Amino acid sequence: MTDEHTISTVQLNHTAVYARDRRASAEFLAGILGLEVGRPFGPFLPVDLGSGVTLDYYEKRDEPIQSQHYAFLVPDREFDGMIARLEAAGTTYYADPNHTDPGHTNDWFGGRGAYFEDPDGHNMEIMTRPYVRP
């Protein structure tokens, strides 16, 4: 028996992103990436990445939030706009994950990339080419 919802490969569907203010954090990231914040789903506020994956922001006000890393493969034609939105938001971006080269982007793997922090200290990355893995 075949189910129309059966998939042939493992796919990431969603992940929870802890935030002190789920609305502010979701709107920040959605604004930088040129996306929209979805309607609340229970305690979650989703940002739909357009690839069948959502980042579901979950408010966690009473505990420290441990920084996580989220990397987004973005279209090359939209990269400059994202950098411009970071600059307009007054958010420093960096060429490297350790944030030692402010105001610069990288050209790794024949593409472009940058790192920045969201309002909760998560280390976000935008890149136009996926990493080449051995």
N, C-alpha and C. Protein backbone atom coordinates (compact mmCIF):
# COMPACT_ATOMS: atom_id res chain seq x y z
N MET A 1 0.84 -1.18 0.00
CA MET A 1 0.00 0.00 0.00
C MET A 1 0.89 1.25 0.00
N THR A 2 0.60 2.18 -0.88
CA THR A 2 1.39 3.40 -0.99
C THR A 2 0.61 4.56 -0.40
N ASP A 3 1.29 5.31 0.44
CA ASP A 3 0.71 6.50 1.05
C ASP A 3 1.22 7.71 0.29
N GLU A 4 0.33 8.65 -0.06
CA GLU A 4 0.77 9.82 -0.83
C GLU A 4 1.75 10.69 -0.07
N HIS A 5 1.88 10.49 1.25
CA HIS A 5 2.80 11.27 2.06
C HIS A 5 4.12 10.55 2.30
N THR A 6 4.29 9.39 1.69
CA THR A 6 5.53 8.65 1.83
C THR A 6 6.64 9.38 1.07
N ILE A 7 7.78 9.50 1.71
CA ILE A 7 8.91 10.14 1.04
C ILE A 7 9.99 9.10 0.79
N SER A 8 10.84 9.37 -0.17
CA SER A 8 11.85 8.38 -0.52
C SER A 8 13.20 8.65 0.13
N THR A 9 13.38 9.84 0.72
CA THR A 9 14.64 10.16 1.38
C THR A 9 14.34 10.88 2.69
N VAL A 10 15.30 10.91 3.57
CA VAL A 10 15.16 11.65 4.81
C VAL A 10 15.30 13.14 4.51
N GLN A 11 14.39 13.94 5.03
CA GLN A 11 14.41 15.37 4.82
C GLN A 11 14.17 16.08 6.15
N LEU A 12 14.83 17.18 6.36
CA LEU A 12 14.54 18.00 7.52
C LEU A 12 13.24 18.73 7.26
N ASN A 13 12.32 18.69 8.21
CA ASN A 13 11.03 19.34 8.07
C ASN A 13 10.96 20.65 8.84
N HIS A 14 11.45 20.64 10.07
CA HIS A 14 11.46 21.85 10.89
C HIS A 14 12.44 21.67 12.04
N THR A 15 12.84 22.78 12.63
CA THR A 15 13.65 22.74 13.83
C THR A 15 13.23 23.91 14.70
N ALA A 16 13.31 23.71 16.01
CA ALA A 16 12.97 24.77 16.94
C ALA A 16 14.18 25.66 17.18
N VAL A 17 13.94 26.96 17.19
CA VAL A 17 14.98 27.94 17.46
C VAL A 17 14.55 28.70 18.71
N TYR A 18 15.34 28.57 19.78
CA TYR A 18 14.99 29.26 21.02
C TYR A 18 15.24 30.75 20.90
N ALA A 19 14.32 31.53 21.46
CA ALA A 19 14.42 32.99 21.40
C ALA A 19 13.82 33.60 22.66
N ARG A 20 14.37 34.75 23.07
CA ARG A 20 13.77 35.47 24.20
C ARG A 20 12.45 36.12 23.78
N ASP A 21 12.37 36.55 22.53
CA ASP A 21 11.16 37.15 21.96
C ASP A 21 10.99 36.53 20.58
N ARG A 22 10.11 35.56 20.49
CA ARG A 22 9.99 34.79 19.24
C ARG A 22 9.61 35.69 18.06
N ARG A 23 8.74 36.66 18.27
CA ARG A 23 8.32 37.53 17.18
C ARG A 23 9.50 38.38 16.68
N ALA A 24 10.23 39.02 17.60
CA ALA A 24 11.35 39.88 17.20
C ALA A 24 12.42 39.07 16.46
N SER A 25 12.73 37.88 16.96
CA SER A 25 13.77 37.06 16.33
C SER A 25 13.34 36.52 14.97
N ALA A 26 12.10 36.06 14.88
CA ALA A 26 11.59 35.55 13.60
C ALA A 26 11.53 36.66 12.56
N GLU A 27 11.05 37.84 12.98
CA GLU A 27 10.97 38.96 12.04
C GLU A 27 12.35 39.44 11.61
N PHE A 28 13.32 39.41 12.52
CA PHE A 28 14.68 39.80 12.16
C PHE A 28 15.21 38.89 11.05
N LEU A 29 15.17 37.58 11.27
CA LEU A 29 15.73 36.66 10.28
C LEU A 29 14.94 36.71 8.98
N ALA A 30 13.63 36.70 9.07
CA ALA A 30 12.81 36.75 7.86
C ALA A 30 13.13 38.02 7.06
N GLY A 31 13.30 39.13 7.76
CA GLY A 31 13.63 40.38 7.08
C GLY A 31 14.96 40.33 6.36
N ILE A 32 15.97 39.76 7.01
CA ILE A 32 17.29 39.66 6.39
C ILE A 32 17.24 38.75 5.17
N LEU A 33 16.55 37.62 5.28
CA LEU A 33 16.51 36.64 4.19
C LEU A 33 15.48 36.98 3.12
N GLY A 34 14.66 38.00 3.35
CA GLY A 34 13.63 38.36 2.38
C GLY A 34 12.46 37.39 2.40
N LEU A 35 12.15 36.86 3.57
CA LEU A 35 11.06 35.90 3.75
C LEU A 35 9.97 36.50 4.62
N GLU A 36 8.94 35.71 4.90
CA GLU A 36 7.86 36.17 5.75
C GLU A 36 7.73 35.26 6.97
N VAL A 37 7.23 35.84 8.03
CA VAL A 37 6.92 35.08 9.24
C VAL A 37 5.52 34.51 9.07
N GLY A 38 5.38 33.22 9.39
CA GLY A 38 4.08 32.56 9.26
C GLY A 38 3.19 32.82 10.46
N ARG A 39 2.03 32.20 10.43
CA ARG A 39 1.09 32.30 11.55
C ARG A 39 1.55 31.39 12.67
N PRO A 40 1.30 31.79 13.92
CA PRO A 40 1.70 30.94 15.05
C PRO A 40 1.10 29.54 14.92
N PHE A 41 1.86 28.58 15.38
CA PHE A 41 1.43 27.18 15.41
C PHE A 41 1.72 26.69 16.82
N GLY A 42 0.70 26.72 17.68
CA GLY A 42 0.92 26.41 19.09
C GLY A 42 1.90 27.43 19.66
N PRO A 43 2.93 26.98 20.35
CA PRO A 43 3.89 27.92 20.93
C PRO A 43 4.96 28.38 19.94
N PHE A 44 4.86 27.95 18.70
CA PHE A 44 5.89 28.22 17.70
C PHE A 44 5.48 29.33 16.73
N LEU A 45 6.46 30.07 16.26
CA LEU A 45 6.26 31.07 15.23
C LEU A 45 7.21 30.72 14.09
N PRO A 46 6.67 30.23 12.97
CA PRO A 46 7.54 29.71 11.90
C PRO A 46 8.02 30.75 10.90
N VAL A 47 9.23 30.51 10.42
CA VAL A 47 9.75 31.19 9.24
C VAL A 47 9.91 30.09 8.20
N ASP A 48 9.15 30.18 7.12
CA ASP A 48 9.18 29.17 6.06
C ASP A 48 10.32 29.50 5.13
N LEU A 49 11.26 28.57 5.00
CA LEU A 49 12.44 28.78 4.16
C LEU A 49 12.17 28.51 2.68
N GLY A 50 10.94 28.07 2.37
CA GLY A 50 10.58 27.87 0.97
C GLY A 50 11.09 26.57 0.39
N SER A 51 11.65 25.72 1.20
CA SER A 51 12.17 24.44 0.73
C SER A 51 11.51 23.28 1.47
N GLY A 52 10.35 23.56 2.06
CA GLY A 52 9.67 22.54 2.84
C GLY A 52 10.17 22.48 4.27
N VAL A 53 11.03 23.41 4.64
CA VAL A 53 11.61 23.45 5.99
C VAL A 53 11.19 24.75 6.67
N THR A 54 10.84 24.64 7.94
CA THR A 54 10.57 25.85 8.72
C THR A 54 11.49 25.92 9.92
N LEU A 55 11.83 27.15 10.28
CA LEU A 55 12.48 27.41 11.56
C LEU A 55 11.35 27.85 12.46
N ASP A 56 11.10 27.10 13.52
CA ASP A 56 9.99 27.37 14.41
C ASP A 56 10.51 28.04 15.68
N TYR A 57 10.31 29.35 15.76
CA TYR A 57 10.81 30.11 16.91
C TYR A 57 9.96 29.80 18.14
N TYR A 58 10.66 29.50 19.23
CA TYR A 58 10.03 29.11 20.49
C TYR A 58 10.58 30.01 21.58
N GLU A 59 9.66 30.68 22.28
CA GLU A 59 10.08 31.62 23.31
C GLU A 59 10.55 30.90 24.56
N LYS A 60 11.70 31.33 25.03
CA LYS A 60 12.33 30.76 26.21
C LYS A 60 12.91 31.92 27.00
N ARG A 61 12.09 32.55 27.83
CA ARG A 61 12.49 33.77 28.52
C ARG A 61 13.20 33.54 29.84
N ASP A 62 12.93 32.43 30.49
CA ASP A 62 13.43 32.25 31.85
C ASP A 62 14.74 31.47 31.95
N GLU A 63 15.31 31.09 30.84
CA GLU A 63 16.57 30.34 30.84
C GLU A 63 17.53 30.97 29.83
N PRO A 64 18.84 30.84 30.07
CA PRO A 64 19.79 31.34 29.06
C PRO A 64 19.63 30.56 27.76
N ILE A 65 19.87 31.23 26.66
CA ILE A 65 19.77 30.59 25.35
C ILE A 65 21.18 30.28 24.86
N GLN A 66 21.41 29.02 24.60
CA GLN A 66 22.71 28.59 24.08
C GLN A 66 22.77 28.89 22.59
N SER A 67 23.83 29.54 22.18
CA SER A 67 23.99 29.89 20.77
C SER A 67 24.09 28.63 19.91
N GLN A 68 23.38 28.65 18.81
CA GLN A 68 23.42 27.58 17.82
C GLN A 68 23.88 28.18 16.49
N HIS A 69 24.21 27.32 15.55
CA HIS A 69 24.62 27.77 14.22
C HIS A 69 23.58 27.31 13.21
N TYR A 70 23.14 28.24 12.37
CA TYR A 70 22.20 27.93 11.30
C TYR A 70 22.78 28.48 10.01
N ALA A 71 22.91 27.64 8.99
CA ALA A 71 23.49 28.04 7.72
C ALA A 71 22.42 27.96 6.64
N PHE A 72 22.35 29.00 5.80
CA PHE A 72 21.34 29.09 4.75
C PHE A 72 22.01 29.20 3.40
N LEU A 73 21.68 28.28 2.51
CA LEU A 73 22.14 28.34 1.14
C LEU A 73 21.18 29.28 0.42
N VAL A 74 21.70 30.39 -0.09
CA VAL A 74 20.86 31.44 -0.67
C VAL A 74 21.22 31.67 -2.12
N PRO A 75 20.27 32.15 -2.93
CA PRO A 75 20.59 32.45 -4.33
C PRO A 75 21.62 33.57 -4.43
N ASP A 76 22.58 33.41 -5.31
CA ASP A 76 23.62 34.42 -5.50
C ASP A 76 23.02 35.79 -5.81
N ARG A 77 21.96 35.81 -6.60
CA ARG A 77 21.34 37.07 -7.00
C ARG A 77 20.71 37.82 -5.82
N GLU A 78 20.48 37.14 -4.70
CA GLU A 78 19.85 37.76 -3.53
C GLU A 78 20.86 38.09 -2.42
N PHE A 79 22.09 37.64 -2.57
CA PHE A 79 23.10 37.81 -1.52
C PHE A 79 23.36 39.28 -1.21
N ASP A 80 23.58 40.10 -2.23
CA ASP A 80 23.87 41.52 -1.99
C ASP A 80 22.72 42.21 -1.26
N GLY A 81 21.50 41.85 -1.58
CA GLY A 81 20.35 42.42 -0.89
C GLY A 81 20.33 42.04 0.58
N MET A 82 20.73 40.83 0.88
CA MET A 82 20.79 40.39 2.28
C MET A 82 21.86 41.16 3.04
N ILE A 83 23.00 41.36 2.40
CA ILE A 83 24.07 42.16 3.03
C ILE A 83 23.58 43.58 3.26
N ALA A 84 22.88 44.15 2.29
CA ALA A 84 22.34 45.51 2.43
C ALA A 84 21.34 45.57 3.58
N ARG A 85 20.52 44.54 3.74
CA ARG A 85 19.54 44.54 4.85
C ARG A 85 20.25 44.39 6.20
N LEU A 86 21.34 43.63 6.25
CA LEU A 86 22.12 43.55 7.49
C LEU A 86 22.68 44.93 7.84
N GLU A 87 23.24 45.60 6.84
CA GLU A 87 23.79 46.93 7.07
C GLU A 87 22.71 47.91 7.52
N ALA A 88 21.54 47.86 6.87
CA ALA A 88 20.43 48.76 7.22
C ALA A 88 19.94 48.50 8.65
N ALA A 89 20.03 47.24 9.08
CA ALA A 89 19.60 46.89 10.43
C ALA A 89 20.67 47.21 11.47
N GLY A 90 21.85 47.63 11.00
CA GLY A 90 22.95 47.92 11.93
C GLY A 90 23.57 46.66 12.50
N THR A 91 23.44 45.56 11.77
CA THR A 91 23.98 44.27 12.21
C THR A 91 25.32 44.03 11.52
N THR A 92 26.35 43.80 12.29
CA THR A 92 27.68 43.53 11.74
C THR A 92 27.71 42.12 11.15
N TYR A 93 28.26 41.99 9.98
CA TYR A 93 28.47 40.67 9.38
C TYR A 93 29.96 40.44 9.27
N TYR A 94 30.33 39.19 9.15
CA TYR A 94 31.73 38.78 9.19
C TYR A 94 32.01 37.77 8.08
N ALA A 95 33.27 37.70 7.67
CA ALA A 95 33.68 36.74 6.65
C ALA A 95 33.90 35.35 7.23
N ASP A 96 34.00 35.25 8.55
CA ASP A 96 34.37 33.96 9.16
C ASP A 96 33.46 33.63 10.34
N PRO A 97 33.37 32.34 10.69
CA PRO A 97 32.47 31.92 11.77
C PRO A 97 32.89 32.39 13.16
N ASN A 98 34.14 32.77 13.33
CA ASN A 98 34.60 33.27 14.63
C ASN A 98 34.45 34.78 14.78
N HIS A 99 33.91 35.39 13.75
CA HIS A 99 33.60 36.83 13.77
C HIS A 99 34.84 37.68 14.02
N THR A 100 35.91 37.38 13.28
CA THR A 100 37.15 38.16 13.43
C THR A 100 37.38 39.11 12.26
N ASP A 101 36.56 39.04 11.21
CA ASP A 101 36.76 39.86 10.02
C ASP A 101 35.46 40.63 9.71
N PRO A 102 35.18 41.68 10.49
CA PRO A 102 33.90 42.40 10.34
C PRO A 102 33.81 43.18 9.04
N GLY A 103 32.57 43.25 8.53
CA GLY A 103 32.30 44.05 7.35
C GLY A 103 32.77 43.45 6.05
N HIS A 104 33.19 42.18 6.09
CA HIS A 104 33.66 41.50 4.88
C HIS A 104 32.88 40.21 4.66
N THR A 105 32.91 39.73 3.44
CA THR A 105 32.33 38.44 3.09
C THR A 105 33.45 37.51 2.66
N ASN A 106 33.14 36.24 2.52
CA ASN A 106 34.16 35.29 2.05
C ASN A 106 33.81 34.83 0.64
N ASP A 107 34.75 34.13 0.02
CA ASP A 107 34.54 33.61 -1.33
C ASP A 107 34.84 32.10 -1.39
N TRP A 108 34.46 31.44 -0.32
CA TRP A 108 34.75 30.01 -0.21
C TRP A 108 33.96 29.20 -1.22
N PHE A 109 34.61 28.17 -1.75
CA PHE A 109 34.02 27.19 -2.66
C PHE A 109 33.45 27.83 -3.92
N GLY A 110 34.00 28.97 -4.32
CA GLY A 110 33.56 29.63 -5.53
C GLY A 110 32.29 30.44 -5.37
N GLY A 111 31.84 30.63 -4.14
CA GLY A 111 30.63 31.43 -3.90
C GLY A 111 30.95 32.57 -2.95
N ARG A 112 29.94 33.08 -2.31
CA ARG A 112 30.11 34.15 -1.33
C ARG A 112 29.39 33.75 -0.05
N GLY A 113 29.90 34.24 1.08
CA GLY A 113 29.27 33.91 2.34
C GLY A 113 29.54 34.96 3.39
N ALA A 114 28.72 34.94 4.43
CA ALA A 114 28.88 35.86 5.55
C ALA A 114 28.20 35.26 6.78
N TYR A 115 28.66 35.70 7.93
CA TYR A 115 28.12 35.27 9.22
C TYR A 115 27.62 36.50 9.98
N PHE A 116 26.59 36.31 10.78
CA PHE A 116 26.06 37.39 11.61
C PHE A 116 25.29 36.78 12.78
N GLU A 117 25.11 37.59 13.81
CA GLU A 117 24.34 37.13 14.98
C GLU A 117 22.91 37.63 14.89
N ASP A 118 21.99 36.76 15.32
CA ASP A 118 20.60 37.19 15.44
C ASP A 118 20.40 37.82 16.83
N PRO A 119 19.22 38.31 17.15
CA PRO A 119 19.01 38.97 18.45
C PRO A 119 19.31 38.10 19.67
N ASP A 120 19.32 36.79 19.50
CA ASP A 120 19.57 35.88 20.62
C ASP A 120 20.99 35.32 20.64
N GLY A 121 21.85 35.80 19.75
CA GLY A 121 23.23 35.36 19.72
C GLY A 121 23.47 34.11 18.90
N HIS A 122 22.45 33.64 18.15
CA HIS A 122 22.68 32.50 17.26
C HIS A 122 23.58 32.96 16.12
N ASN A 123 24.51 32.10 15.73
CA ASN A 123 25.46 32.40 14.66
C ASN A 123 24.85 31.97 13.33
N MET A 124 24.35 32.95 12.59
CA MET A 124 23.70 32.70 11.31
C MET A 124 24.71 32.83 10.18
N GLU A 125 24.52 32.02 9.15
CA GLU A 125 25.42 32.05 7.99
C GLU A 125 24.58 32.08 6.73
N ILE A 126 24.97 32.93 5.79
CA ILE A 126 24.39 32.90 4.45
C ILE A 126 25.53 32.56 3.50
N MET A 127 25.24 31.68 2.54
CA MET A 127 26.27 31.26 1.59
C MET A 127 25.61 30.95 0.25
N THR A 128 26.33 31.22 -0.82
CA THR A 128 25.77 31.01 -2.14
C THR A 128 26.18 29.68 -2.78
N ARG A 129 27.13 29.00 -2.17
CA ARG A 129 27.56 27.67 -2.64
C ARG A 129 27.68 26.74 -1.45
N PRO A 130 27.25 25.52 -1.59
CA PRO A 130 27.41 24.58 -0.47
C PRO A 130 28.89 24.23 -0.28
N TYR A 131 29.20 23.84 0.90
CA TYR A 131 30.57 23.40 1.20
C TYR A 131 30.89 22.16 0.40
N VAL A 132 32.12 22.07 -0.06
CA VAL A 132 32.59 20.87 -0.75
C VAL A 132 33.10 19.91 0.32
N ARG A 133 32.51 18.76 0.37
CA ARG A 133 32.88 17.80 1.39
C ARG A 133 33.68 16.66 0.77
N PRO A 134 34.71 16.19 1.49
CA PRO A 134 35.53 15.10 0.91
C PRO A 134 34.76 13.81 0.76
